[in-house]
Amino acid sequence: MWTSIRGAQWLLAMQFVRLPENVADRLRRRVFQSLRGERAKTAG
């Protein structure tokens, strides 16, 4: 995993090994949904 913060914009990349693709996709969706929720909370 790597992250890069640029002011109000950030980048995040994740790669899961030894997980079926459908499980990895579901996990990615949950992570990004949580990140969007956290960002919405801090935005007001």
Protein backbone atom coordinates (compact mmCIF):
# COMPACT_ATOMS: atom_id res chain seq x y z
CA MET A 1 0.00 0.00 0.00
CA TRP A 2 1.19 3.53 -0.69
CA THR A 3 -0.30 6.95 -0.06
CA SER A 4 0.43 10.43 -1.34
CA ILE A 5 -1.07 13.59 0.13
CA ARG A 6 -1.28 16.73 -2.00
CA GLY A 7 -3.15 19.46 -0.16
CA ALA A 8 -6.83 18.56 -0.26
CA GLN A 9 -6.20 15.59 -2.56
CA TRP A 10 -4.80 12.22 -1.59
CA LEU A 11 -4.01 9.03 -3.45
CA LEU A 12 -4.14 5.50 -2.12
CA ALA A 13 -3.23 2.27 -3.89
CA MET A 14 -3.85 -1.21 -2.49
CA GLN A 15 -2.96 -4.62 -3.78
CA PHE A 16 -4.06 -7.82 -2.08
CA VAL A 17 -2.20 -11.05 -2.69
CA ARG A 18 -3.57 -14.52 -2.09
CA LEU A 19 -7.17 -13.29 -2.11
CA PRO A 20 -9.71 -14.14 -4.77
CA GLU A 21 -10.38 -11.13 -7.01
CA ASN A 22 -14.02 -10.81 -5.90
CA VAL A 23 -12.99 -10.74 -2.21
CA ALA A 24 -10.27 -8.15 -2.90
CA ASP A 25 -12.76 -5.98 -4.81
CA ARG A 26 -15.25 -6.15 -1.96
CA LEU A 27 -12.55 -5.22 0.56
CA ARG A 28 -11.40 -2.27 -1.60
CA ARG A 29 -14.98 -1.01 -1.87
CA ARG A 30 -15.41 -1.15 1.91
CA VAL A 31 -12.13 0.67 2.55
CA PHE A 32 -12.94 3.45 0.08
CA GLN A 33 -16.51 3.74 1.41
CA SER A 34 -15.10 4.23 4.93
CA LEU A 35 -12.61 6.81 3.68
CA ARG A 36 -15.39 8.73 1.91
CA GLY A 37 -17.43 8.66 5.13
CA GLU A 38 -14.52 10.00 7.17
CA ARG A 39 -13.91 12.75 4.63
CA ALA A 40 -17.61 13.71 4.69
CA LYS A 41 -17.54 13.92 8.50
CA THR A 42 -14.55 16.27 8.50
CA ALA A 43 -16.07 18.39 5.71
CA GLY A 44 -19.10 19.19 7.82
